[in-house]
Structure formats: structure tokens, C-alpha cells
Amino acid sequence: MSKIGKINIMIPEKVKVAIAGNILNIEGPLGKKSLNIDLEVFNLDIKDGKEITIKPKKIDQNTKRLWGMNRSLINNAVIGSVEGYEKILELVGVGYRASIKGNQLNLQLGYSHDIDFNIPEGIKIAVEKQTTLKISGFDKQLVGSVASKIKTLRKIEPYKGKGIREKGQYVLKKEGKKK
């Protein structure tokens, strides 16, 4: 049995959930998300618009794996449509700066040129200080993906710890060369 899959998903008052064929539509104040659920494998019940339960029709190794994942995807979409998700990135290094120009994030990361990162639809990026970025949106997967792409533009260097990192991320620093 899936420990995560058994837990019912509570739907807040502001969220509307509707099922049309194999597609589950979740709409809230922050955004709208559609999830494709295989109804040949799972039973999906929406009780009075306040609770969602997902159960497999037949329990075997394959459905056990997918059960918890599908429940988590639905839960993340419900939470994202009400509260949203955010990640905070820090730019560590001399002269590292960020600014927003229209629909692009302009980054100065110690290269000979500036890097322009196109902000995808559904994502808001705020530059709090010149060295702190706040990425927010209603889709958890998209927020994490954008944060990951920005982090790969300047990976953390192990000797001084320069680069782009998430807030609170621990960086293991190497010891320098000794005489």
C-alpha cells in the first residue's frame, strides 16, 4: 500500500476541481492546471467539491509506484493554485548582479558578456536586491525547473563558493593549495 496515496486531498474553498474524460482541471486564484490521469488504472472521487481520493482499481507493483506520484501531482496542483510556490536564489561573487528588463532577466555573472534569460509564462521573477532573485509561480515543477536553469548559468565554484545558489544551500569548500 502507498502511504502517500492513501491520504485524501483537501480542496480549499477558492479552488474548483472538475474532471472531463481523463483530464483533471484544477482552477484557483493564482492559476489553472490540467492533469492527465489514467482512469483505466485509478478511481478518482471528488466528494462534494471538498475532498479528492485516488485509489487503484487493481493493486500490483506498477500501480503502487504510480499511486503516490499521481496523488502528489494533484496535491501540488491544488496547493499551487491557492498559495503558489517560490524559490529564492542568491548570486555570490564580486560584480555578480541581476536586473529585469521587460520579459527578460539580465544577469552579470563575471563573464565578458551579460546573459539574458527569457522568463517563461506563468513564472514571476523579482529581483529583491541586486544579488537576490525570488522565483514564484503556481506550478511547482516549472518553478523548480526555472531555478535549476538559472543555477546552471554559473555553477558554484568549490574553492571560494562563487556562483548561483539557493538560499540556505550548504556549499562544501575545498582547501586551497598549501606551500
C-alpha atoms as a PDB file:
ATOM      1  CA  MET A   1       0.000   0.000   0.000  1.00  0.00           C
ATOM      2  CA  SER A   2       1.139   3.520  -0.749  1.00  0.00           C
ATOM      3  CA  LYS A   3       1.452   5.623   2.398  1.00  0.00           C
ATOM      4  CA  ILE A   4       1.180   8.881   0.466  1.00  0.00           C
ATOM      5  CA  GLY A   5      -1.506   7.645  -1.937  1.00  0.00           C
ATOM      6  CA  LYS A   6      -3.943   6.741   0.860  1.00  0.00           C
ATOM      7  CA  ILE A   7      -4.103  10.319   2.207  1.00  0.00           C
ATOM      8  CA  ASN A   8      -7.115  12.306   0.970  1.00  0.00           C
ATOM      9  CA  ILE A   9      -6.541  15.697  -0.666  1.00  0.00           C
ATOM     10  CA  MET A  10      -8.487  18.562   0.927  1.00  0.00           C
ATOM     11  CA  ILE A  11      -9.741  21.190  -1.526  1.00  0.00           C
ATOM     12  CA  PRO A  12      -9.803  24.814  -0.258  1.00  0.00           C
ATOM     13  CA  GLU A  13     -12.943  26.924  -0.854  1.00  0.00           C
ATOM     14  CA  LYS A  14     -11.332  29.074  -3.570  1.00  0.00           C
ATOM     15  CA  VAL A  15     -10.383  26.080  -5.752  1.00  0.00           C
ATOM     16  CA  LYS A  16     -12.637  24.482  -8.374  1.00  0.00           C
ATOM     17  CA  VAL A  17     -11.928  20.901  -9.419  1.00  0.00           C
ATOM     18  CA  ALA A  18     -13.615  19.277 -12.417  1.00  0.00           C
ATOM     19  CA  ILE A  19     -12.954  16.066 -14.312  1.00  0.00           C
ATOM     20  CA  ALA A  20     -13.557  15.762 -18.062  1.00  0.00           C
ATOM     21  CA  GLY A  21     -12.622  12.384 -19.526  1.00  0.00           C
ATOM     22  CA  ASN A  22      -9.062  11.593 -18.409  1.00  0.00           C
ATOM     23  CA  ILE A  23      -8.221  15.242 -17.687  1.00  0.00           C
ATOM     24  CA  LEU A  24      -8.500  16.722 -14.176  1.00  0.00           C
ATOM     25  CA  ASN A  25      -8.871  20.533 -14.275  1.00  0.00           C
ATOM     26  CA  ILE A  26      -7.852  22.465 -11.163  1.00  0.00           C
ATOM     27  CA  GLU A  27      -8.582  26.198 -11.111  1.00  0.00           C
ATOM     28  CA  GLY A  28      -7.725  28.615  -8.315  1.00  0.00           C
ATOM     29  CA  PRO A  29      -6.991  32.297  -7.742  1.00  0.00           C
ATOM     30  CA  LEU A  30      -3.344  32.017  -8.879  1.00  0.00           C
ATOM     31  CA  GLY A  31      -3.760  29.838 -11.955  1.00  0.00           C
ATOM     32  CA  LYS A  32      -5.205  26.897 -13.800  1.00  0.00           C
ATOM     33  CA  LYS A  33      -3.626  23.444 -14.201  1.00  0.00           C
ATOM     34  CA  SER A  34      -4.738  20.377 -16.164  1.00  0.00           C
ATOM     35  CA  LEU A  35      -3.503  16.911 -15.216  1.00  0.00           C
ATOM     36  CA  ASN A  36      -3.843  13.781 -17.303  1.00  0.00           C
ATOM     37  CA  ILE A  37      -4.896  10.848 -15.060  1.00  0.00           C
ATOM     38  CA  ASP A  38      -5.193   7.274 -16.357  1.00  0.00           C
ATOM     39  CA  LEU A  39      -8.735   6.340 -15.316  1.00  0.00           C
ATOM     40  CA  GLU A  40      -8.255   2.754 -16.541  1.00  0.00           C
ATOM     41  CA  VAL A  41      -5.806   2.239 -13.659  1.00  0.00           C
ATOM     42  CA  PHE A  42      -7.179   4.610 -10.985  1.00  0.00           C
ATOM     43  CA  ASN A  43     -10.556   5.555  -9.481  1.00  0.00           C
ATOM     44  CA  LEU A  44     -10.805   9.285  -8.840  1.00  0.00           C
ATOM     45  CA  ASP A  45     -13.560  10.506  -6.500  1.00  0.00           C
ATOM     46  CA  ILE A  46     -14.427  14.146  -5.819  1.00  0.00           C
ATOM     47  CA  LYS A  47     -16.609  14.347  -2.686  1.00  0.00           C
ATOM     48  CA  ASP A  48     -18.811  17.480  -2.560  1.00  0.00           C
ATOM     49  CA  GLY A  49     -16.009  19.573  -4.085  1.00  0.00           C
ATOM     50  CA  LYS A  50     -14.137  19.418  -0.760  1.00  0.00           C
ATOM     51  CA  GLU A  51     -12.056  16.249  -0.974  1.00  0.00           C
ATOM     52  CA  ILE A  52     -10.319  14.164  -3.646  1.00  0.00           C
ATOM     53  CA  THR A  53      -9.455  10.489  -3.224  1.00  0.00           C
ATOM     54  CA  ILE A  54      -7.439   8.426  -5.658  1.00  0.00           C
ATOM     55  CA  LYS A  55      -7.344   4.630  -5.483  1.00  0.00           C
ATOM     56  CA  PRO A  56      -6.016   1.990  -7.876  1.00  0.00           C
ATOM     57  CA  LYS A  57      -8.517  -0.452  -9.367  1.00  0.00           C
ATOM     58  CA  LYS A  58      -6.048  -3.334  -9.034  1.00  0.00           C
ATOM     59  CA  ILE A  59      -3.040  -3.259  -6.703  1.00  0.00           C
ATOM     60  CA  ASP A  60       0.224  -4.559  -8.174  1.00  0.00           C
ATOM     61  CA  GLN A  61       3.873  -3.353  -8.305  1.00  0.00           C
ATOM     62  CA  ASN A  62       3.271  -0.871 -11.125  1.00  0.00           C
ATOM     63  CA  THR A  63       0.155   0.775  -9.706  1.00  0.00           C
ATOM     64  CA  LYS A  64       1.735   1.087  -6.239  1.00  0.00           C
ATOM     65  CA  ARG A  65       4.510   3.207  -7.761  1.00  0.00           C
ATOM     66  CA  LEU A  66       2.148   5.431  -9.707  1.00  0.00           C
ATOM     67  CA  TRP A  67      -0.418   5.829  -6.916  1.00  0.00           C
ATOM     68  CA  GLY A  68       1.637   8.078  -4.613  1.00  0.00           C
ATOM     69  CA  MET A  69       3.069  10.047  -7.534  1.00  0.00           C
ATOM     70  CA  ASN A  70      -0.362  10.852  -9.004  1.00  0.00           C
ATOM     71  CA  ARG A  71      -1.664  11.858  -5.568  1.00  0.00           C
ATOM     72  CA  SER A  72       1.344  14.169  -5.086  1.00  0.00           C
ATOM     73  CA  LEU A  73       0.867  15.754  -8.516  1.00  0.00           C
ATOM     74  CA  ILE A  74      -2.797  16.502  -7.748  1.00  0.00           C
ATOM     75  CA  ASN A  75      -1.926  17.852  -4.273  1.00  0.00           C
ATOM     76  CA  ASN A  76       0.853  20.081  -5.677  1.00  0.00           C
ATOM     77  CA  ALA A  77      -1.556  21.500  -8.271  1.00  0.00           C
ATOM     78  CA  VAL A  78      -4.182  22.257  -5.581  1.00  0.00           C
ATOM     79  CA  ILE A  79      -1.633  23.933  -3.277  1.00  0.00           C
ATOM     80  CA  GLY A  80      -0.061  25.837  -6.186  1.00  0.00           C
ATOM     81  CA  SER A  81      -3.387  27.248  -7.355  1.00  0.00           C
ATOM     82  CA  VAL A  82      -4.061  28.703  -3.868  1.00  0.00           C
ATOM     83  CA  GLU A  83      -0.684  29.553  -2.301  1.00  0.00           C
ATOM     84  CA  GLY A  84       1.839  29.155  -5.124  1.00  0.00           C
ATOM     85  CA  TYR A  85       5.471  28.115  -4.846  1.00  0.00           C
ATOM     86  CA  GLU A  86       8.656  30.136  -4.587  1.00  0.00           C
ATOM     87  CA  LYS A  87      12.402  29.652  -4.611  1.00  0.00           C
ATOM     88  CA  ILE A  88      14.993  32.217  -3.613  1.00  0.00           C
ATOM     89  CA  LEU A  89      18.363  32.263  -5.391  1.00  0.00           C
ATOM     90  CA  GLU A  90      21.471  34.123  -4.260  1.00  0.00           C
ATOM     91  CA  LEU A  91      24.249  35.378  -6.525  1.00  0.00           C
ATOM     92  CA  VAL A  92      27.566  35.092  -4.668  1.00  0.00           C
ATOM     93  CA  GLY A  93      30.615  36.728  -6.223  1.00  0.00           C
ATOM     94  CA  VAL A  94      32.221  40.103  -6.858  1.00  0.00           C
ATOM     95  CA  GLY A  95      30.274  42.028  -9.511  1.00  0.00           C
ATOM     96  CA  TYR A  96      27.501  39.435  -9.826  1.00  0.00           C
ATOM     97  CA  ARG A  97      24.217  41.279 -10.446  1.00  0.00           C
ATOM     98  CA  ALA A  98      20.694  40.679 -11.690  1.00  0.00           C
ATOM     99  CA  SER A  99      18.076  43.010 -13.128  1.00  0.00           C
ATOM    100  CA  ILE A 100      14.818  42.666 -15.037  1.00  0.00           C
ATOM    101  CA  LYS A 101      14.452  44.196 -18.494  1.00  0.00           C
ATOM    102  CA  GLY A 102      10.942  43.670 -19.841  1.00  0.00           C
ATOM    103  CA  ASN A 103      10.286  39.925 -20.076  1.00  0.00           C
ATOM    104  CA  GLN A 104      13.971  39.022 -19.630  1.00  0.00           C
ATOM    105  CA  LEU A 105      16.215  38.521 -16.642  1.00  0.00           C
ATOM    106  CA  ASN A 106      19.573  40.205 -17.235  1.00  0.00           C
ATOM    107  CA  LEU A 107      22.437  38.549 -15.338  1.00  0.00           C
ATOM    108  CA  GLN A 108      26.026  39.769 -14.948  1.00  0.00           C
ATOM    109  CA  LEU A 109      27.964  36.725 -13.759  1.00  0.00           C
ATOM    110  CA  GLY A 110      31.611  37.599 -14.309  1.00  0.00           C
ATOM    111  CA  TYR A 111      31.668  36.634 -17.985  1.00  0.00           C
ATOM    112  CA  SER A 112      32.708  39.064 -20.724  1.00  0.00           C
ATOM    113  CA  HIS A 113      29.027  39.409 -21.692  1.00  0.00           C
ATOM    114  CA  ASP A 114      25.654  39.749 -19.971  1.00  0.00           C
ATOM    115  CA  ILE A 115      23.294  36.778 -20.002  1.00  0.00           C
ATOM    116  CA  ASP A 116      19.638  37.369 -20.912  1.00  0.00           C
ATOM    117  CA  PHE A 117      17.277  34.691 -19.574  1.00  0.00           C
ATOM    118  CA  ASN A 118      13.752  34.625 -21.050  1.00  0.00           C
ATOM    119  CA  ILE A 119      11.146  34.364 -18.283  1.00  0.00           C
ATOM    120  CA  PRO A 120       8.580  31.657 -19.161  1.00  0.00           C
ATOM    121  CA  GLU A 121       4.835  32.256 -18.954  1.00  0.00           C
ATOM    122  CA  GLY A 122       3.354  31.547 -15.508  1.00  0.00           C
ATOM    123  CA  ILE A 123       6.573  32.495 -13.675  1.00  0.00           C
ATOM    124  CA  LYS A 124       7.262  35.757 -11.857  1.00  0.00           C
ATOM    125  CA  ILE A 125      10.854  36.702 -11.077  1.00  0.00           C
ATOM    126  CA  ALA A 126      11.504  39.562  -8.663  1.00  0.00           C
ATOM    127  CA  VAL A 127      14.958  40.999  -8.029  1.00  0.00           C
ATOM    128  CA  GLU A 128      14.829  41.925  -4.331  1.00  0.00           C
ATOM    129  CA  LYS A 129      18.415  43.092  -4.085  1.00  0.00           C
ATOM    130  CA  GLN A 130      20.870  43.027  -6.960  1.00  0.00           C
ATOM    131  CA  THR A 131      22.089  39.654  -5.711  1.00  0.00           C
ATOM    132  CA  THR A 132      18.806  38.012  -4.640  1.00  0.00           C
ATOM    133  CA  LEU A 133      16.213  36.540  -7.008  1.00  0.00           C
ATOM    134  CA  LYS A 134      12.743  35.417  -5.989  1.00  0.00           C
ATOM    135  CA  ILE A 135      11.150  32.959  -8.427  1.00  0.00           C
ATOM    136  CA  SER A 136       7.437  32.331  -7.886  1.00  0.00           C
ATOM    137  CA  GLY A 137       4.576  30.649  -9.709  1.00  0.00           C
ATOM    138  CA  PHE A 138       1.672  28.239  -9.311  1.00  0.00           C
ATOM    139  CA  ASP A 139       3.347  25.214 -10.984  1.00  0.00           C
ATOM    140  CA  LYS A 140       5.861  23.542  -8.639  1.00  0.00           C
ATOM    141  CA  GLN A 141       7.643  21.711 -11.454  1.00  0.00           C
ATOM    142  CA  LEU A 142       8.040  24.874 -13.554  1.00  0.00           C
ATOM    143  CA  VAL A 143       9.354  26.943 -10.617  1.00  0.00           C
ATOM    144  CA  GLY A 144      11.973  24.270  -9.828  1.00  0.00           C
ATOM    145  CA  SER A 145      12.906  23.921 -13.495  1.00  0.00           C
ATOM    146  CA  VAL A 146      13.457  27.677 -13.949  1.00  0.00           C
ATOM    147  CA  ALA A 147      15.503  27.853 -10.722  1.00  0.00           C
ATOM    148  CA  SER A 148      17.620  24.932 -11.915  1.00  0.00           C
ATOM    149  CA  LYS A 149      18.236  26.515 -15.340  1.00  0.00           C
ATOM    150  CA  ILE A 150      19.326  29.791 -13.740  1.00  0.00           C
ATOM    151  CA  LYS A 151      21.649  27.923 -11.346  1.00  0.00           C
ATOM    152  CA  THR A 152      23.383  26.177 -14.273  1.00  0.00           C
ATOM    153  CA  LEU A 153      24.345  29.553 -15.790  1.00  0.00           C
ATOM    154  CA  ARG A 154      27.077  29.870 -13.121  1.00  0.00           C
ATOM    155  CA  LYS A 155      27.723  26.715 -11.115  1.00  0.00           C
ATOM    156  CA  ILE A 156      29.148  27.015  -7.607  1.00  0.00           C
ATOM    157  CA  GLU A 157      32.928  27.077  -7.602  1.00  0.00           C
ATOM    158  CA  PRO A 158      34.333  24.822  -4.807  1.00  0.00           C
ATOM    159  CA  TYR A 159      37.251  26.986  -3.615  1.00  0.00           C
ATOM    160  CA  LYS A 160      35.651  30.379  -2.949  1.00  0.00           C
ATOM    161  CA  GLY A 161      31.973  29.426  -3.167  1.00  0.00           C
ATOM    162  CA  LYS A 162      31.188  31.846  -6.024  1.00  0.00           C
ATOM    163  CA  GLY A 163      28.172  31.149  -8.203  1.00  0.00           C
ATOM    164  CA  ILE A 164      24.373  30.951  -8.048  1.00  0.00           C
ATOM    165  CA  ARG A 165      22.879  29.010  -5.150  1.00  0.00           C
ATOM    166  CA  GLU A 166      19.552  28.534  -3.438  1.00  0.00           C
ATOM    167  CA  LYS A 167      19.021  30.362  -0.171  1.00  0.00           C
ATOM    168  CA  GLY A 168      20.328  28.257   2.688  1.00  0.00           C
ATOM    169  CA  GLN A 169      22.188  25.802   0.419  1.00  0.00           C
ATOM    170  CA  TYR A 170      25.350  24.458   2.022  1.00  0.00           C
ATOM    171  CA  VAL A 171      28.477  24.615  -0.127  1.00  0.00           C
ATOM    172  CA  LEU A 172      31.350  22.305   0.735  1.00  0.00           C
ATOM    173  CA  LYS A 173      34.505  24.352   0.210  1.00  0.00           C
ATOM    174  CA  LYS A 174      37.768  22.682  -0.736  1.00  0.00           C
ATOM    175  CA  GLU A 175      41.041  23.553   0.891  1.00  0.00           C
ATOM    176  CA  GLY A 176      43.407  25.587  -1.288  1.00  0.00           C
ATOM    177  CA  LYS A 177      46.952  24.708  -2.317  1.00  0.00           C
ATOM    178  CA  LYS A 178      49.456  24.664   0.565  1.00  0.00           C
ATOM    179  CA  LYS A 179      53.074  25.778   0.476  1.00  0.00           C
END
